[in-house]
């Protein structure tokens, strides 16, 4: 008999479809809608500060320079800017006519929105839960902070905030989780996967590939406890197999109500969504909150 357990709904970068993503203002606006858990992305500045950013370099679709002008192309890499330099950019609006604007036509716009530090976000939402994705790229190692350094910096911020009981750390670069597990087995980990990293497992996972063809088995071999796959790669059987291995399954990025309902029926443990308000509504309707 299928479990009717509650499903963990996490707002993707806050609530990306509704508010400026990976911003303090976006998280606070999503929290006002009743969202209590969030996924976010972090990188490291030139002076070693952990900040929120999905992109390795400033994204011209959402970034204006200190004079208010849109960037004309990919901006400087986060890794090359100090926090003071980074704080001069504004990421509160979407460039008109850009792919992001077309994808999220209902997204609110604000002025004076900067890229926040991880420490500031944890302090501003002291009861919220966070899944922190470390943006470490083994394919282009010079573009991001080294995995061990980024992992250590994230852990230090979590400890300073006293947030160990309300965070999960994840990455596509599995060196991050392995490094944390060696010294801090108390911090919960999730293992991100998508088709490209499964194909190039030797680079992203530093292993030959999925064990016996099973991605869930590879995650279980790392100690789990959470597998975070692209939701389009999931099947009911794969979720069931993951559960049999003692894993929880946190699917990303689930935006269509039909997909939410189907994944709930298949037994998924959690969903990351650009529309967490919709996901909460659908799971409430199913009695899964």
C-alpha atoms as a PDB file:
ATOM      1  CA  UNK A   1       0.000   0.000   0.000  1.00  0.00           C
ATOM      2  CA  UNK A   2       1.441   3.396  -1.004  1.00  0.00           C
ATOM      3  CA  UNK A   3       2.418   5.774   1.781  1.00  0.00           C
ATOM      4  CA  UNK A   4       0.453   9.000   2.053  1.00  0.00           C
ATOM      5  CA  UNK A   5       3.340  10.748   3.816  1.00  0.00           C
ATOM      6  CA  UNK A   6       3.734  14.527   3.552  1.00  0.00           C
ATOM      7  CA  UNK A   7       5.778  15.757   0.609  1.00  0.00           C
ATOM      8  CA  UNK A   8       8.511  18.318   1.164  1.00  0.00           C
ATOM      9  CA  UNK A   9       7.917  21.335  -1.101  1.00  0.00           C
ATOM     10  CA  UNK A  10      10.910  23.608  -1.667  1.00  0.00           C
ATOM     11  CA  UNK A  11      10.874  26.888  -3.532  1.00  0.00           C
ATOM     12  CA  UNK A  12      13.442  26.879  -6.337  1.00  0.00           C
ATOM     13  CA  UNK A  13      15.790  29.823  -5.760  1.00  0.00           C
ATOM     14  CA  UNK A  14      12.954  31.223  -3.624  1.00  0.00           C
ATOM     15  CA  UNK A  15      10.042  31.225  -6.045  1.00  0.00           C
ATOM     16  CA  UNK A  16      11.785  31.878  -9.343  1.00  0.00           C
ATOM     17  CA  UNK A  17       8.657  32.276 -11.444  1.00  0.00           C
ATOM     18  CA  UNK A  18       7.273  34.973  -9.142  1.00  0.00           C
ATOM     19  CA  UNK A  19      10.168  36.924  -7.645  1.00  0.00           C
ATOM     20  CA  UNK A  20      13.836  37.738  -8.346  1.00  0.00           C
ATOM     21  CA  UNK A  21      15.607  34.443  -7.794  1.00  0.00           C
ATOM     22  CA  UNK A  22      18.337  33.842  -5.232  1.00  0.00           C
ATOM     23  CA  UNK A  23      17.662  37.196  -3.584  1.00  0.00           C
ATOM     24  CA  UNK A  24      16.756  38.084  -0.042  1.00  0.00           C
ATOM     25  CA  UNK A  25      13.680  39.962  -1.266  1.00  0.00           C
ATOM     26  CA  UNK A  26      12.592  36.924  -3.275  1.00  0.00           C
ATOM     27  CA  UNK A  27      12.877  34.552  -0.333  1.00  0.00           C
ATOM     28  CA  UNK A  28      10.983  36.907   1.939  1.00  0.00           C
ATOM     29  CA  UNK A  29       8.193  37.376  -0.620  1.00  0.00           C
ATOM     30  CA  UNK A  30       7.895  33.613  -1.079  1.00  0.00           C
ATOM     31  CA  UNK A  31       7.833  33.099   2.688  1.00  0.00           C
ATOM     32  CA  UNK A  32       4.898  35.514   2.854  1.00  0.00           C
ATOM     33  CA  UNK A  33       3.020  33.104   0.553  1.00  0.00           C
ATOM     34  CA  UNK A  34       3.552  30.276   3.044  1.00  0.00           C
ATOM     35  CA  UNK A  35       6.707  28.705   1.603  1.00  0.00           C
ATOM     36  CA  UNK A  36       8.859  27.339   4.436  1.00  0.00           C
ATOM     37  CA  UNK A  37      11.665  25.549   2.577  1.00  0.00           C
ATOM     38  CA  UNK A  38      13.911  26.766  -0.200  1.00  0.00           C
ATOM     39  CA  UNK A  39      16.597  25.616  -2.605  1.00  0.00           C
ATOM     40  CA  UNK A  40      19.364  28.080  -3.403  1.00  0.00           C
ATOM     41  CA  UNK A  41      22.724  28.173  -5.204  1.00  0.00           C
ATOM     42  CA  UNK A  42      26.032  29.479  -3.897  1.00  0.00           C
ATOM     43  CA  UNK A  43      29.449  30.388  -5.197  1.00  0.00           C
ATOM     44  CA  UNK A  44      32.447  32.191  -3.735  1.00  0.00           C
ATOM     45  CA  UNK A  45      33.760  35.695  -4.386  1.00  0.00           C
ATOM     46  CA  UNK A  46      37.375  36.668  -4.946  1.00  0.00           C
ATOM     47  CA  UNK A  47      37.661  37.566  -1.253  1.00  0.00           C
ATOM     48  CA  UNK A  48      36.235  34.244  -0.071  1.00  0.00           C
ATOM     49  CA  UNK A  49      32.635  35.214   0.716  1.00  0.00           C
ATOM     50  CA  UNK A  50      29.867  32.712  -0.045  1.00  0.00           C
ATOM     51  CA  UNK A  51      27.130  34.427  -2.046  1.00  0.00           C
ATOM     52  CA  UNK A  52      23.974  33.337  -3.811  1.00  0.00           C
ATOM     53  CA  UNK A  53      24.238  32.833  -7.553  1.00  0.00           C
ATOM     54  CA  UNK A  54      23.061  30.149  -9.927  1.00  0.00           C
ATOM     55  CA  UNK A  55      25.349  31.367 -12.683  1.00  0.00           C
ATOM     56  CA  UNK A  56      29.132  31.207 -12.648  1.00  0.00           C
ATOM     57  CA  UNK A  57      29.216  34.649 -14.305  1.00  0.00           C
ATOM     58  CA  UNK A  58      26.760  37.532 -13.973  1.00  0.00           C
ATOM     59  CA  UNK A  59      23.735  36.778 -16.128  1.00  0.00           C
ATOM     60  CA  UNK A  60      22.889  39.580 -18.599  1.00  0.00           C
ATOM     61  CA  UNK A  61      19.206  38.590 -18.566  1.00  0.00           C
ATOM     62  CA  UNK A  62      18.849  39.678 -14.931  1.00  0.00           C
ATOM     63  CA  UNK A  63      21.804  41.978 -14.200  1.00  0.00           C
ATOM     64  CA  UNK A  64      22.196  45.750 -14.460  1.00  0.00           C
ATOM     65  CA  UNK A  65      25.461  47.543 -13.852  1.00  0.00           C
ATOM     66  CA  UNK A  66      26.005  50.314 -11.274  1.00  0.00           C
ATOM     67  CA  UNK A  67      24.698  52.857 -13.798  1.00  0.00           C
ATOM     68  CA  UNK A  68      21.455  50.920 -14.278  1.00  0.00           C
ATOM     69  CA  UNK A  69      22.361  49.643 -17.760  1.00  0.00           C
ATOM     70  CA  UNK A  70      21.791  46.023 -18.737  1.00  0.00           C
ATOM     71  CA  UNK A  71      24.937  43.993 -19.224  1.00  0.00           C
ATOM     72  CA  UNK A  72      25.549  43.556 -22.949  1.00  0.00           C
ATOM     73  CA  UNK A  73      26.832  39.992 -22.546  1.00  0.00           C
ATOM     74  CA  UNK A  74      27.897  37.569 -19.843  1.00  0.00           C
ATOM     75  CA  UNK A  75      29.397  39.572 -17.027  1.00  0.00           C
ATOM     76  CA  UNK A  76      32.475  38.855 -14.975  1.00  0.00           C
ATOM     77  CA  UNK A  77      32.690  35.594 -13.101  1.00  0.00           C
ATOM     78  CA  UNK A  78      31.542  35.700  -9.490  1.00  0.00           C
ATOM     79  CA  UNK A  79      34.916  34.206  -8.583  1.00  0.00           C
ATOM     80  CA  UNK A  80      36.751  37.265  -9.958  1.00  0.00           C
ATOM     81  CA  UNK A  81      34.796  39.911  -8.013  1.00  0.00           C
ATOM     82  CA  UNK A  82      35.081  40.944  -4.397  1.00  0.00           C
ATOM     83  CA  UNK A  83      31.891  41.191  -2.389  1.00  0.00           C
ATOM     84  CA  UNK A  84      32.126  44.993  -2.551  1.00  0.00           C
ATOM     85  CA  UNK A  85      32.395  44.886  -6.339  1.00  0.00           C
ATOM     86  CA  UNK A  86      29.580  42.364  -6.665  1.00  0.00           C
ATOM     87  CA  UNK A  87      27.266  44.407  -4.457  1.00  0.00           C
ATOM     88  CA  UNK A  88      27.213  47.220  -7.028  1.00  0.00           C
ATOM     89  CA  UNK A  89      25.120  45.157  -9.467  1.00  0.00           C
ATOM     90  CA  UNK A  90      21.312  44.986  -9.408  1.00  0.00           C
ATOM     91  CA  UNK A  91      19.475  41.690 -10.073  1.00  0.00           C
ATOM     92  CA  UNK A  92      15.916  42.712  -9.244  1.00  0.00           C
ATOM     93  CA  UNK A  93      14.536  42.910 -12.780  1.00  0.00           C
ATOM     94  CA  UNK A  94      14.455  40.772 -15.922  1.00  0.00           C
ATOM     95  CA  UNK A  95      15.660  42.182 -19.227  1.00  0.00           C
ATOM     96  CA  UNK A  96      12.598  42.816 -21.466  1.00  0.00           C
ATOM     97  CA  UNK A  97      12.484  40.417 -24.391  1.00  0.00           C
ATOM     98  CA  UNK A  98      14.934  37.960 -22.813  1.00  0.00           C
ATOM     99  CA  UNK A  99      14.341  34.202 -22.523  1.00  0.00           C
ATOM    100  CA  UNK A 100      13.862  34.600 -18.767  1.00  0.00           C
ATOM    101  CA  UNK A 101      11.162  37.237 -19.342  1.00  0.00           C
ATOM    102  CA  UNK A 102       9.348  34.934 -21.760  1.00  0.00           C
ATOM    103  CA  UNK A 103       9.569  32.005 -19.356  1.00  0.00           C
ATOM    104  CA  UNK A 104       8.306  33.922 -16.322  1.00  0.00           C
ATOM    105  CA  UNK A 105       5.919  36.680 -17.501  1.00  0.00           C
ATOM    106  CA  UNK A 106       4.364  37.072 -14.036  1.00  0.00           C
ATOM    107  CA  UNK A 107       7.640  37.650 -12.220  1.00  0.00           C
ATOM    108  CA  UNK A 108       7.711  40.757 -10.029  1.00  0.00           C
ATOM    109  CA  UNK A 109      10.381  43.404 -10.561  1.00  0.00           C
ATOM    110  CA  UNK A 110      12.225  45.454  -7.962  1.00  0.00           C
ATOM    111  CA  UNK A 111      15.012  48.002  -7.941  1.00  0.00           C
ATOM    112  CA  UNK A 112      17.957  48.007  -5.572  1.00  0.00           C
ATOM    113  CA  UNK A 113      18.179  44.219  -5.288  1.00  0.00           C
ATOM    114  CA  UNK A 114      21.678  42.916  -4.757  1.00  0.00           C
ATOM    115  CA  UNK A 115      23.214  39.457  -4.658  1.00  0.00           C
ATOM    116  CA  UNK A 116      23.093  38.415  -0.980  1.00  0.00           C
ATOM    117  CA  UNK A 117      25.520  36.441   1.110  1.00  0.00           C
ATOM    118  CA  UNK A 118      24.530  33.021   2.385  1.00  0.00           C
ATOM    119  CA  UNK A 119      25.033  34.251   5.933  1.00  0.00           C
ATOM    120  CA  UNK A 120      22.541  37.084   5.392  1.00  0.00           C
ATOM    121  CA  UNK A 121      19.868  34.742   4.023  1.00  0.00           C
ATOM    122  CA  UNK A 122      20.207  32.249   6.873  1.00  0.00           C
ATOM    123  CA  UNK A 123      19.980  35.115   9.377  1.00  0.00           C
ATOM    124  CA  UNK A 124      16.983  36.778   7.702  1.00  0.00           C
ATOM    125  CA  UNK A 125      14.872  33.593   7.640  1.00  0.00           C
ATOM    126  CA  UNK A 126      15.811  31.902  10.923  1.00  0.00           C
ATOM    127  CA  UNK A 127      13.115  29.217  10.839  1.00  0.00           C
ATOM    128  CA  UNK A 128      13.149  28.349   7.129  1.00  0.00           C
ATOM    129  CA  UNK A 129      14.789  25.199   5.807  1.00  0.00           C
ATOM    130  CA  UNK A 130      17.339  25.434   3.000  1.00  0.00           C
ATOM    131  CA  UNK A 131      18.853  23.095   0.462  1.00  0.00           C
ATOM    132  CA  UNK A 132      22.159  24.704  -0.470  1.00  0.00           C
ATOM    133  CA  UNK A 133      23.600  23.819  -3.862  1.00  0.00           C
ATOM    134  CA  UNK A 134      27.347  24.337  -4.093  1.00  0.00           C
ATOM    135  CA  UNK A 135      28.240  25.565  -7.576  1.00  0.00           C
ATOM    136  CA  UNK A 136      31.520  23.772  -8.186  1.00  0.00           C
ATOM    137  CA  UNK A 137      32.391  22.860 -11.780  1.00  0.00           C
ATOM    138  CA  UNK A 138      34.997  20.131 -12.387  1.00  0.00           C
ATOM    139  CA  UNK A 139      34.709  20.662 -16.147  1.00  0.00           C
ATOM    140  CA  UNK A 140      35.858  24.289 -15.836  1.00  0.00           C
ATOM    141  CA  UNK A 141      37.762  24.248 -12.538  1.00  0.00           C
ATOM    142  CA  UNK A 142      39.165  27.763 -12.856  1.00  0.00           C
ATOM    143  CA  UNK A 143      35.705  29.314 -13.015  1.00  0.00           C
ATOM    144  CA  UNK A 144      34.573  28.328  -9.527  1.00  0.00           C
ATOM    145  CA  UNK A 145      36.159  27.975  -6.124  1.00  0.00           C
ATOM    146  CA  UNK A 146      37.793  24.592  -5.485  1.00  0.00           C
ATOM    147  CA  UNK A 147      35.256  22.093  -4.168  1.00  0.00           C
ATOM    148  CA  UNK A 148      36.939  21.592  -0.755  1.00  0.00           C
ATOM    149  CA  UNK A 149      37.286  25.336  -0.153  1.00  0.00           C
ATOM    150  CA  UNK A 150      33.678  26.027  -1.071  1.00  0.00           C
ATOM    151  CA  UNK A 151      32.464  23.099   1.039  1.00  0.00           C
ATOM    152  CA  UNK A 152      34.427  24.281   4.089  1.00  0.00           C
ATOM    153  CA  UNK A 153      33.157  27.841   3.698  1.00  0.00           C
ATOM    154  CA  UNK A 154      29.538  26.681   3.482  1.00  0.00           C
ATOM    155  CA  UNK A 155      29.918  24.549   6.598  1.00  0.00           C
ATOM    156  CA  UNK A 156      31.495  27.440   8.511  1.00  0.00           C
ATOM    157  CA  UNK A 157      28.524  29.676   7.680  1.00  0.00           C
ATOM    158  CA  UNK A 158      26.037  26.972   8.647  1.00  0.00           C
ATOM    159  CA  UNK A 159      27.806  26.562  11.992  1.00  0.00           C
ATOM    160  CA  UNK A 160      27.997  30.303  12.640  1.00  0.00           C
ATOM    161  CA  UNK A 161      24.251  30.557  12.023  1.00  0.00           C
ATOM    162  CA  UNK A 162      23.460  27.522  14.176  1.00  0.00           C
ATOM    163  CA  UNK A 163      21.584  26.191  11.150  1.00  0.00           C
ATOM    164  CA  UNK A 164      22.849  22.613  11.012  1.00  0.00           C
ATOM    165  CA  UNK A 165      19.433  21.161  11.746  1.00  0.00           C
ATOM    166  CA  UNK A 166      17.643  23.014   8.947  1.00  0.00           C
ATOM    167  CA  UNK A 167      19.947  22.649   5.962  1.00  0.00           C
ATOM    168  CA  UNK A 168      20.851  20.123   3.287  1.00  0.00           C
ATOM    169  CA  UNK A 169      23.972  20.563   1.148  1.00  0.00           C
ATOM    170  CA  UNK A 170      23.954  19.300  -2.429  1.00  0.00           C
ATOM    171  CA  UNK A 171      26.008  19.538  -5.603  1.00  0.00           C
ATOM    172  CA  UNK A 172      26.371  17.958  -9.008  1.00  0.00           C
ATOM    173  CA  UNK A 173      30.088  17.865  -8.184  1.00  0.00           C
ATOM    174  CA  UNK A 174      30.125  15.001  -5.711  1.00  0.00           C
ATOM    175  CA  UNK A 175      33.535  16.009  -4.362  1.00  0.00           C
ATOM    176  CA  UNK A 176      31.675  18.642  -2.320  1.00  0.00           C
ATOM    177  CA  UNK A 177      29.528  16.128  -0.435  1.00  0.00           C
ATOM    178  CA  UNK A 178      32.394  13.701   0.062  1.00  0.00           C
ATOM    179  CA  UNK A 179      34.529  16.438   1.562  1.00  0.00           C
ATOM    180  CA  UNK A 180      31.779  17.478   3.984  1.00  0.00           C
ATOM    181  CA  UNK A 181      31.013  13.907   5.008  1.00  0.00           C
ATOM    182  CA  UNK A 182      34.624  13.259   6.042  1.00  0.00           C
ATOM    183  CA  UNK A 183      34.570  15.908   8.747  1.00  0.00           C
ATOM    184  CA  UNK A 184      30.875  16.615   9.328  1.00  0.00           C
ATOM    185  CA  UNK A 185      28.762  13.483   8.990  1.00  0.00           C
ATOM    186  CA  UNK A 186      26.009  15.277  10.912  1.00  0.00           C
ATOM    187  CA  UNK A 187      25.211  17.578   7.967  1.00  0.00           C
ATOM    188  CA  UNK A 188      22.562  16.120   5.689  1.00  0.00           C
ATOM    189  CA  UNK A 189      23.572  15.655   2.066  1.00  0.00           C
ATOM    190  CA  UNK A 190      21.779  15.329  -1.256  1.00  0.00           C
ATOM    191  CA  UNK A 191      23.361  14.069  -4.471  1.00  0.00           C
ATOM    192  CA  UNK A 192      22.289  15.979  -7.555  1.00  0.00           C
ATOM    193  CA  UNK A 193      22.016  14.200 -10.912  1.00  0.00           C
ATOM    194  CA  UNK A 194      20.972  15.065 -14.438  1.00  0.00           C
ATOM    195  CA  UNK A 195      21.505  13.338 -17.763  1.00  0.00           C
ATOM    196  CA  UNK A 196      24.779  15.140 -18.533  1.00  0.00           C
ATOM    197  CA  UNK A 197      26.408  14.341 -15.197  1.00  0.00           C
ATOM    198  CA  UNK A 198      25.303  10.718 -15.396  1.00  0.00           C
ATOM    199  CA  UNK A 199      26.855  10.499 -18.856  1.00  0.00           C
ATOM    200  CA  UNK A 200      30.051  12.155 -17.634  1.00  0.00           C
ATOM    201  CA  UNK A 201      30.140  10.465 -14.243  1.00  0.00           C
ATOM    202  CA  UNK A 202      33.911  10.045 -14.400  1.00  0.00           C
ATOM    203  CA  UNK A 203      34.194  13.850 -14.239  1.00  0.00           C
ATOM    204  CA  UNK A 204      31.291  14.845 -11.986  1.00  0.00           C
ATOM    205  CA  UNK A 205      31.269  11.862  -9.651  1.00  0.00           C
ATOM    206  CA  UNK A 206      34.899  10.789  -9.992  1.00  0.00           C
ATOM    207  CA  UNK A 207      33.716   7.224 -10.585  1.00  0.00           C
ATOM    208  CA  UNK A 208      33.276   5.169 -13.757  1.00  0.00           C
ATOM    209  CA  UNK A 209      29.493   5.456 -13.795  1.00  0.00           C
ATOM    210  CA  UNK A 210      26.249   4.298 -12.168  1.00  0.00           C
ATOM    211  CA  UNK A 211      26.619   1.030 -10.315  1.00  0.00           C
ATOM    212  CA  UNK A 212      24.935  -1.692 -12.360  1.00  0.00           C
ATOM    213  CA  UNK A 213      23.340   1.109 -14.355  1.00  0.00           C
ATOM    214  CA  UNK A 214      21.443   2.391 -11.302  1.00  0.00           C
ATOM    215  CA  UNK A 215      21.916   6.032 -10.359  1.00  0.00           C
ATOM    216  CA  UNK A 216      20.148   5.415  -7.050  1.00  0.00           C
ATOM    217  CA  UNK A 217      22.628   2.636  -6.265  1.00  0.00           C
ATOM    218  CA  UNK A 218      25.512   5.040  -6.894  1.00  0.00           C
ATOM    219  CA  UNK A 219      23.946   7.564  -4.490  1.00  0.00           C
ATOM    220  CA  UNK A 220      23.349   4.858  -1.888  1.00  0.00           C
ATOM    221  CA  UNK A 221      26.975   3.760  -2.183  1.00  0.00           C
ATOM    222  CA  UNK A 222      27.974   7.317  -1.237  1.00  0.00           C
ATOM    223  CA  UNK A 223      25.842   7.071   1.904  1.00  0.00           C
ATOM    224  CA  UNK A 224      22.829   9.078   0.729  1.00  0.00           C
ATOM    225  CA  UNK A 225      20.472   9.898   2.328  1.00  0.00           C
ATOM    226  CA  UNK A 226      18.909  11.991  -0.460  1.00  0.00           C
ATOM    227  CA  UNK A 227      18.912  11.569  -4.219  1.00  0.00           C
ATOM    228  CA  UNK A 228      18.072  14.810  -6.059  1.00  0.00           C
ATOM    229  CA  UNK A 229      17.370  13.938  -9.715  1.00  0.00           C
ATOM    230  CA  UNK A 230      15.993  15.917 -12.625  1.00  0.00           C
ATOM    231  CA  UNK A 231      12.302  15.017 -12.369  1.00  0.00           C
ATOM    232  CA  UNK A 232      12.116  14.200 -16.094  1.00  0.00           C
ATOM    233  CA  UNK A 233      14.475  11.252 -15.529  1.00  0.00           C
ATOM    234  CA  UNK A 234      12.269   9.647 -12.890  1.00  0.00           C
ATOM    235  CA  UNK A 235       9.911   6.691 -13.167  1.00  0.00           C
ATOM    236  CA  UNK A 236       7.802   5.038 -10.527  1.00  0.00           C
ATOM    237  CA  UNK A 237      10.160   2.061 -10.549  1.00  0.00           C
ATOM    238  CA  UNK A 238      13.220   4.255 -10.027  1.00  0.00           C
ATOM    239  CA  UNK A 239      11.604   5.954  -7.045  1.00  0.00           C
ATOM    240  CA  UNK A 240      10.637   2.579  -5.605  1.00  0.00           C
ATOM    241  CA  UNK A 241      14.175   1.264  -6.122  1.00  0.00           C
ATOM    242  CA  UNK A 242      15.621   4.327  -4.390  1.00  0.00           C
ATOM    243  CA  UNK A 243      13.342   3.781  -1.413  1.00  0.00           C
ATOM    244  CA  UNK A 244      14.401   0.140  -1.242  1.00  0.00           C
ATOM    245  CA  UNK A 245      17.990   1.411  -0.929  1.00  0.00           C
ATOM    246  CA  UNK A 246      17.000   3.645   1.985  1.00  0.00           C
ATOM    247  CA  UNK A 247      17.055   6.906   0.011  1.00  0.00           C
ATOM    248  CA  UNK A 248      14.686   9.839  -0.072  1.00  0.00           C
ATOM    249  CA  UNK A 249      13.976  11.311  -3.512  1.00  0.00           C
ATOM    250  CA  UNK A 250      13.935  15.104  -3.921  1.00  0.00           C
ATOM    251  CA  UNK A 251      12.946  15.903  -7.531  1.00  0.00           C
ATOM    252  CA  UNK A 252      13.728  19.127  -9.408  1.00  0.00           C
ATOM    253  CA  UNK A 253      12.391  21.390 -10.998  1.00  0.00           C
ATOM    254  CA  UNK A 254       8.687  20.486 -10.958  1.00  0.00           C
ATOM    255  CA  UNK A 255       6.459  23.303 -12.238  1.00  0.00           C
ATOM    256  CA  UNK A 256       3.432  21.710 -13.935  1.00  0.00           C
ATOM    257  CA  UNK A 257       0.538  20.626 -11.685  1.00  0.00           C
ATOM    258  CA  UNK A 258       0.127  17.396 -13.661  1.00  0.00           C
ATOM    259  CA  UNK A 259       3.752  16.473 -12.983  1.00  0.00           C
ATOM    260  CA  UNK A 260       3.359  17.313  -9.309  1.00  0.00           C
ATOM    261  CA  UNK A 261       0.350  15.053  -8.982  1.00  0.00           C
ATOM    262  CA  UNK A 262       2.020  12.206 -10.904  1.00  0.00           C
ATOM    263  CA  UNK A 263       5.209  12.341  -8.838  1.00  0.00           C
ATOM    264  CA  UNK A 264       3.172  12.401  -5.645  1.00  0.00           C
ATOM    265  CA  UNK A 265       1.341   9.277  -6.803  1.00  0.00           C
ATOM    266  CA  UNK A 266       4.681   7.619  -7.534  1.00  0.00           C
ATOM    267  CA  UNK A 267       5.836   8.249  -3.968  1.00  0.00           C
ATOM    268  CA  UNK A 268       8.386  11.057  -4.362  1.00  0.00           C
ATOM    269  CA  UNK A 269       9.554  12.495  -1.034  1.00  0.00           C
ATOM    270  CA  UNK A 270      10.019  16.103  -2.079  1.00  0.00           C
ATOM    271  CA  UNK A 271       9.815  18.530  -4.992  1.00  0.00           C
ATOM    272  CA  UNK A 272      11.719  21.700  -5.829  1.00  0.00           C
ATOM    273  CA  UNK A 273       9.566  24.115  -7.825  1.00  0.00           C
ATOM    274  CA  UNK A 274       9.643  27.570  -9.410  1.00  0.00           C
ATOM    275  CA  UNK A 275       6.002  27.765  -8.286  1.00  0.00           C
ATOM    276  CA  UNK A 276       6.068  26.438  -4.729  1.00  0.00           C
ATOM    277  CA  UNK A 277       2.733  28.143  -4.127  1.00  0.00           C
ATOM    278  CA  UNK A 278       1.151  25.918  -6.776  1.00  0.00           C
ATOM    279  CA  UNK A 279       2.930  22.841  -5.440  1.00  0.00           C
ATOM    280  CA  UNK A 280       1.704  23.560  -1.911  1.00  0.00           C
ATOM    281  CA  UNK A 281      -1.830  24.025  -3.239  1.00  0.00           C
ATOM    282  CA  UNK A 282      -1.760  20.747  -5.153  1.00  0.00           C
ATOM    283  CA  UNK A 283      -0.257  18.761  -2.273  1.00  0.00           C
ATOM    284  CA  UNK A 284      -2.763  20.293   0.137  1.00  0.00           C
ATOM    285  CA  UNK A 285      -5.567  19.223  -2.168  1.00  0.00           C
ATOM    286  CA  UNK A 286      -4.149  15.669  -2.082  1.00  0.00           C
ATOM    287  CA  UNK A 287      -3.679  15.754   1.697  1.00  0.00           C
ATOM    288  CA  UNK A 288       0.104  15.470   1.333  1.00  0.00           C
ATOM    289  CA  UNK A 289       1.193  18.515   3.338  1.00  0.00           C
END
